[in-house]
Amino acid sequence: MDFNLDDLFDEKPEVKEPEVREPEPEVKKVSEPEPEPEVKPIKKKGKHKKPMSEERRNQLRANLRKGRETSLKKRQAKKESKKLDNAKQIVKKNESKLEIRIRELENQLKEKSTTKKPIEKATPINIIEKPKPKPEPELSYYSTYKKRSRW
């Protein structure tokens, strides 16, 4: 077999060109047009209202603006009053704590004043006894030698 491996890989595969189809002419079918469904007007439920005049609309807008301003002022006033109430409560708590602490200190002072030790009479310096010196141990024969440890 005369056949090289190089020849095998050098060959290029054949590329098929895509087939180009010519578009077929479209055939239009002529038929009767479908009748369009009748559009029914949408009926509104409830009262039939007249269109609002510009004057009335402006008056309602002014009332709305005025109501929003007053509600804002009320909310701000309520916020300030809450702040003041909280501050008053904090001050009240601190005052009660201080009052309790003052009572405790007064009670301690009363106890100290009632339980005072009587003042002892001062003694002259020469009467005060000095500590006695420890007597020196007597030396014996066994006390001079070093004791042996057991181990």
Protein backbone atom coordinates (compact mmCIF):
# COMPACT_ATOMS: atom_id res chain seq x y z
CA MET A 1 0.00 0.00 0.00
CA ASP A 2 1.36 3.26 -1.15
CA PHE A 3 -0.22 5.46 1.22
CA ASN A 4 1.24 8.23 3.35
CA LEU A 5 -0.27 9.41 6.54
CA ASP A 6 0.64 12.95 5.61
CA ASP A 7 -1.52 12.73 2.51
CA LEU A 8 -4.42 11.62 4.60
CA PHE A 9 -4.29 14.69 6.82
CA ASP A 10 -3.57 17.13 4.03
CA GLU A 11 -6.83 16.36 2.33
CA LYS A 12 -9.53 18.88 3.01
CA PRO A 13 -13.07 17.76 3.50
CA GLU A 14 -15.51 18.76 0.85
CA VAL A 15 -17.70 21.68 1.82
CA LYS A 16 -21.25 21.56 0.57
CA GLU A 17 -22.65 24.82 -0.53
CA PRO A 18 -26.11 25.55 0.82
CA GLU A 19 -28.86 25.36 -1.69
CA VAL A 20 -30.53 28.64 -2.41
CA ARG A 21 -34.26 28.34 -2.90
CA GLU A 22 -36.19 30.91 -4.71
CA PRO A 23 -39.12 32.19 -2.71
CA GLU A 24 -42.41 30.95 -3.97
CA PRO A 25 -44.84 33.63 -4.92
CA GLU A 26 -47.45 34.11 -2.26
CA VAL A 27 -50.96 33.42 -3.30
CA LYS A 28 -53.50 35.72 -1.73
CA LYS A 29 -56.83 34.29 -1.00
CA VAL A 30 -59.64 36.62 -1.61
CA SER A 31 -62.45 36.17 0.81
CA GLU A 32 -65.13 38.24 2.31
CA PRO A 33 -63.87 40.54 5.08
CA GLU A 34 -65.03 39.55 8.54
CA PRO A 35 -67.54 41.92 10.01
CA GLU A 36 -66.05 43.96 12.85
CA PRO A 37 -67.71 43.38 16.21
CA GLU A 38 -69.80 46.25 17.44
CA VAL A 39 -68.09 48.28 20.13
CA LYS A 40 -70.40 48.89 23.05
CA PRO A 41 -69.79 52.05 25.04
CA ILE A 42 -68.62 51.43 28.61
CA LYS A 43 -71.24 52.43 31.08
CA LYS A 44 -70.12 54.02 34.33
CA LYS A 45 -71.73 52.76 37.49
CA GLY A 46 -73.07 55.10 40.10
CA LYS A 47 -74.08 58.71 39.84
CA HIS A 48 -73.56 60.59 36.65
CA LYS A 49 -71.40 63.56 37.58
CA LYS A 50 -71.04 66.81 35.82
CA PRO A 51 -67.53 67.85 34.86
CA MET A 52 -65.84 69.90 37.60
CA SER A 53 -65.23 73.57 36.96
CA GLU A 54 -61.76 75.10 37.31
CA GLU A 55 -62.93 77.37 40.10
CA ARG A 56 -64.17 74.43 42.20
CA ARG A 57 -61.02 72.42 41.47
CA ASN A 58 -58.81 75.32 42.63
CA GLN A 59 -60.86 75.70 45.82
CA LEU A 60 -60.48 71.98 46.63
CA ARG A 61 -56.74 72.14 46.02
CA ALA A 62 -56.43 75.15 48.34
CA ASN A 63 -58.37 73.28 51.06
CA LEU A 64 -56.12 70.25 50.64
CA ARG A 65 -52.97 72.39 50.91
CA LYS A 66 -54.34 74.12 54.02
CA GLY A 67 -55.19 70.76 55.66
CA ARG A 68 -51.71 69.41 54.98
CA GLU A 69 -50.09 72.49 56.54
CA THR A 70 -52.19 72.26 59.71
CA SER A 71 -51.54 68.52 60.10
CA LEU A 72 -47.79 69.15 59.73
CA LYS A 73 -47.91 71.79 62.48
CA LYS A 74 -49.85 69.42 64.76
CA ARG A 75 -47.37 66.58 64.18
CA GLN A 76 -44.43 68.86 64.98
CA ALA A 77 -46.12 70.16 68.15
CA LYS A 78 -46.83 66.59 69.27
CA LYS A 79 -43.19 65.64 68.63
CA GLU A 80 -41.97 68.55 70.78
CA SER A 81 -44.37 67.66 73.61
CA LYS A 82 -43.14 64.06 73.57
CA LYS A 83 -39.54 65.28 73.83
CA LEU A 84 -40.45 67.43 76.83
CA ASP A 85 -42.34 64.57 78.50
CA ASN A 86 -39.36 62.24 78.05
CA ALA A 87 -37.00 64.85 79.49
CA LYS A 88 -39.31 65.36 82.49
CA GLN A 89 -39.45 61.62 83.12
CA ILE A 90 -35.66 61.35 83.00
CA VAL A 91 -35.30 64.27 85.44
CA LYS A 92 -37.89 62.70 87.74
CA LYS A 93 -36.04 59.36 87.75
CA ASN A 94 -32.74 61.08 88.49
CA GLU A 95 -34.30 63.12 91.30
CA SER A 96 -35.74 60.00 92.90
CA LYS A 97 -32.36 58.25 92.66
CA LEU A 98 -30.64 61.27 94.22
CA GLU A 99 -33.21 61.45 97.03
CA ILE A 100 -32.65 57.76 97.82
CA ARG A 101 -28.88 58.28 97.86
CA ILE A 102 -29.23 61.33 100.15
CA ARG A 103 -31.36 59.32 102.58
CA GLU A 104 -28.78 56.52 102.61
CA LEU A 105 -25.96 58.96 103.37
CA GLU A 106 -28.00 60.65 106.12
CA ASN A 107 -28.72 57.26 107.69
CA GLN A 108 -25.02 56.41 107.60
CA LEU A 109 -24.19 59.71 109.32
CA LYS A 110 -26.79 59.07 112.02
CA GLU A 111 -25.41 55.58 112.65
CA LYS A 112 -21.88 56.93 112.94
CA SER A 113 -22.91 59.67 115.33
CA THR A 114 -24.85 57.26 117.59
CA THR A 115 -22.14 54.59 117.64
CA LYS A 116 -19.20 56.82 118.49
CA LYS A 117 -16.59 55.15 120.63
CA PRO A 118 -15.89 56.86 123.88
CA ILE A 119 -12.65 58.80 123.85
CA GLU A 120 -9.98 56.97 125.76
CA LYS A 121 -7.85 58.84 128.18
CA ALA A 122 -4.45 59.67 126.85
CA THR A 123 -1.61 57.87 128.56
CA PRO A 124 1.81 59.38 129.04
CA ILE A 125 4.56 58.01 126.84
CA ASN A 126 6.62 56.58 129.68
CA ILE A 127 3.72 54.44 130.91
CA ILE A 128 3.30 52.67 127.58
CA GLU A 129 4.84 49.25 127.78
CA LYS A 130 7.44 48.31 125.31
CA PRO A 131 7.31 44.79 123.88
CA LYS A 132 9.41 42.36 125.83
CA PRO A 133 12.30 40.77 124.01
CA LYS A 134 12.05 37.02 123.37
CA PRO A 135 14.25 34.93 125.61
CA GLU A 136 17.13 33.29 123.83
CA PRO A 137 16.87 29.52 123.73
CA GLU A 138 19.30 27.57 125.78
CA LEU A 139 21.95 25.78 123.87
CA SER A 140 22.21 22.10 124.44
CA TYR A 141 24.42 19.41 123.02
CA TYR A 142 21.80 18.25 120.50
CA SER A 143 20.75 21.66 119.36
CA THR A 144 24.21 22.56 118.10
CA TYR A 145 24.38 19.68 115.65
CA LYS A 146 22.63 19.66 112.39
CA LYS A 147 19.73 17.26 112.22
CA ARG A 148 19.87 14.63 109.57
CA SER A 149 17.11 14.34 107.06
CA ARG A 150 15.57 10.98 106.59
CA TRP A 151 16.12 10.86 102.87
